[in-house]
Protein backbone atom coordinates (compact mmCIF):
# COMPACT_ATOMS: atom_id res chain seq x y z
CA MET A 1 -16.18 5.92 0.78
CA LYS A 2 -13.59 7.26 -1.72
CA THR A 3 -11.89 10.43 -1.04
CA SER A 4 -10.13 12.81 -3.46
CA VAL A 5 -6.23 12.59 -3.43
CA PRO A 6 -4.28 15.78 -3.74
CA GLN A 7 -2.55 16.09 -7.16
CA ARG A 8 0.90 15.95 -5.54
CA LEU A 9 0.31 12.38 -4.30
CA ASN A 10 -0.93 10.95 -7.54
CA PRO A 11 1.46 8.72 -9.45
CA ARG A 12 2.79 10.15 -12.72
CA LYS A 13 1.95 7.03 -14.73
CA GLU A 14 0.73 3.59 -14.05
CA PRO A 15 2.86 0.63 -15.03
CA ALA A 16 1.47 -1.00 -18.19
CA GLN A 17 3.87 -3.72 -19.02
CA THR A 18 5.14 -6.56 -16.87
CA ARG A 19 8.63 -5.03 -16.81
CA SER A 20 7.27 -1.65 -15.52
CA ARG A 21 5.18 -3.49 -12.99
CA VAL A 22 8.24 -5.33 -11.72
CA THR A 23 10.12 -2.06 -11.52
CA VAL A 24 7.37 -0.35 -9.56
CA ASP A 25 7.20 -3.43 -7.20
CA ALA A 26 10.85 -3.18 -6.67
CA ILE A 27 10.54 0.52 -5.81
CA HIS A 28 7.77 -0.27 -3.35
CA THR A 29 9.91 -3.00 -1.77
CA ALA A 30 12.86 -0.79 -1.54
CA THR A 31 10.82 1.99 0.12
CA ILE A 32 9.57 -0.41 2.80
CA GLN A 33 13.22 -1.72 3.27
CA VAL A 34 14.51 1.87 3.76
CA LEU A 35 11.73 2.59 6.14
CA LEU A 36 12.38 -0.49 8.22
CA ALA A 37 16.21 0.07 8.10
CA ASP A 38 16.13 3.65 9.18
CA GLU A 39 13.21 6.08 9.98
CA LEU A 40 10.82 8.20 7.88
CA THR A 41 12.99 11.22 8.09
CA SER A 42 15.87 9.50 6.25
CA LEU A 43 13.52 8.34 3.40
CA THR A 44 14.78 9.86 0.13
CA THR A 45 14.11 9.03 -3.48
CA THR A 46 17.90 8.56 -4.05
CA ARG A 47 18.04 6.05 -1.33
CA VAL A 48 15.06 4.21 -2.44
CA ALA A 49 16.23 4.13 -6.15
CA GLU A 50 19.59 2.91 -5.02
CA ARG A 51 18.14 0.12 -2.89
CA ALA A 52 15.68 -0.91 -5.78
CA GLY A 53 18.51 -0.91 -8.38
CA VAL A 54 16.99 1.70 -10.58
CA SER A 55 17.91 5.25 -11.49
CA VAL A 56 16.32 8.16 -9.73
CA GLY A 57 14.96 9.23 -13.11
CA THR A 58 13.19 5.82 -13.41
CA LEU A 59 11.67 6.43 -9.84
CA TYR A 60 10.42 9.82 -10.97
CA GLN A 61 8.91 8.46 -14.07
CA TYR A 62 6.31 6.77 -11.79
CA PHE A 63 6.40 9.03 -8.64
CA PRO A 64 6.70 12.86 -8.71
CA ASN A 65 8.01 12.97 -5.11
CA LYS A 66 8.73 10.85 -2.03
CA GLU A 67 5.35 11.76 -0.48
CA ALA A 68 3.64 10.27 -3.65
CA LEU A 69 5.86 7.23 -3.29
CA LEU A 70 5.03 6.76 0.44
CA TYR A 71 1.31 7.32 -0.43
CA ALA A 72 1.46 4.55 -3.08
CA VAL A 73 3.25 2.11 -0.83
CA LEU A 74 0.71 2.74 2.01
CA LEU A 75 -2.22 2.43 -0.34
CA ASN A 76 -0.89 -0.87 -1.67
CA HIS A 77 -0.33 -2.23 1.80
CA PHE A 78 -3.82 -1.19 3.01
CA GLU A 79 -5.49 -2.66 -0.15
CA ARG A 80 -3.66 -6.07 0.47
CA LEU A 81 -4.62 -5.83 4.13
CA ALA A 82 -8.30 -5.29 3.21
CA GLU A 83 -8.15 -8.20 0.71
CA ALA A 84 -6.62 -10.51 3.43
CA LEU A 85 -9.28 -9.44 5.97
CA SER A 86 -12.04 -10.06 3.45
CA ALA A 87 -10.80 -13.57 2.81
CA LEU A 88 -10.97 -14.25 6.65
CA THR A 89 -14.36 -12.73 7.35
CA PRO A 90 -17.30 -14.65 5.85
CA PRO A 91 -19.98 -12.40 4.34
CA PHE A 92 -23.26 -11.94 6.48
CA PRO A 93 -26.52 -11.45 4.93
CA ASP A 94 -27.50 -8.86 7.46
CA CYS A 95 -26.57 -7.10 10.65
CA HIS A 96 -28.51 -9.66 12.83
CA SER A 97 -26.45 -12.44 11.27
CA ALA A 98 -23.24 -10.63 11.97
CA SER A 99 -24.25 -9.88 15.52
CA GLY A 100 -25.21 -13.45 16.13
CA GLN A 101 -21.92 -14.76 14.88
CA ILE A 102 -19.97 -12.30 17.03
CA SER A 103 -22.05 -13.27 20.13
CA SER A 104 -21.61 -16.94 19.65
CA SER A 105 -17.91 -16.67 19.02
CA THR A 106 -17.55 -14.41 22.02
CA PRO A 107 -19.17 -16.05 25.10
CA MET A 108 -18.85 -13.01 27.34
CA LEU A 109 -20.86 -10.96 24.91
CA GLY A 110 -23.57 -13.67 24.33
């Protein structure tokens, strides 16, 4: 189910070239590093840009504010997590097959 995203959380532009994608990836990585080093209240676009090795202006080309940046990082993380889970979980043709698989792999339920 897809929900609408408030305009303030939308990125300003999507990276089109490889160099731009590398820059956005560096900004995402820097955001995570700042969050891990400190806490959410200390997250600023200036600190993220500094950690990413880009100017604040470059960061603002892609993200209008820190909320949009944080949303993009979380969305990216959840998408990667969903892909990883999909790879681990075999597809089941129907609910009965899924139920049978769960029961057989969990003896106390079977």
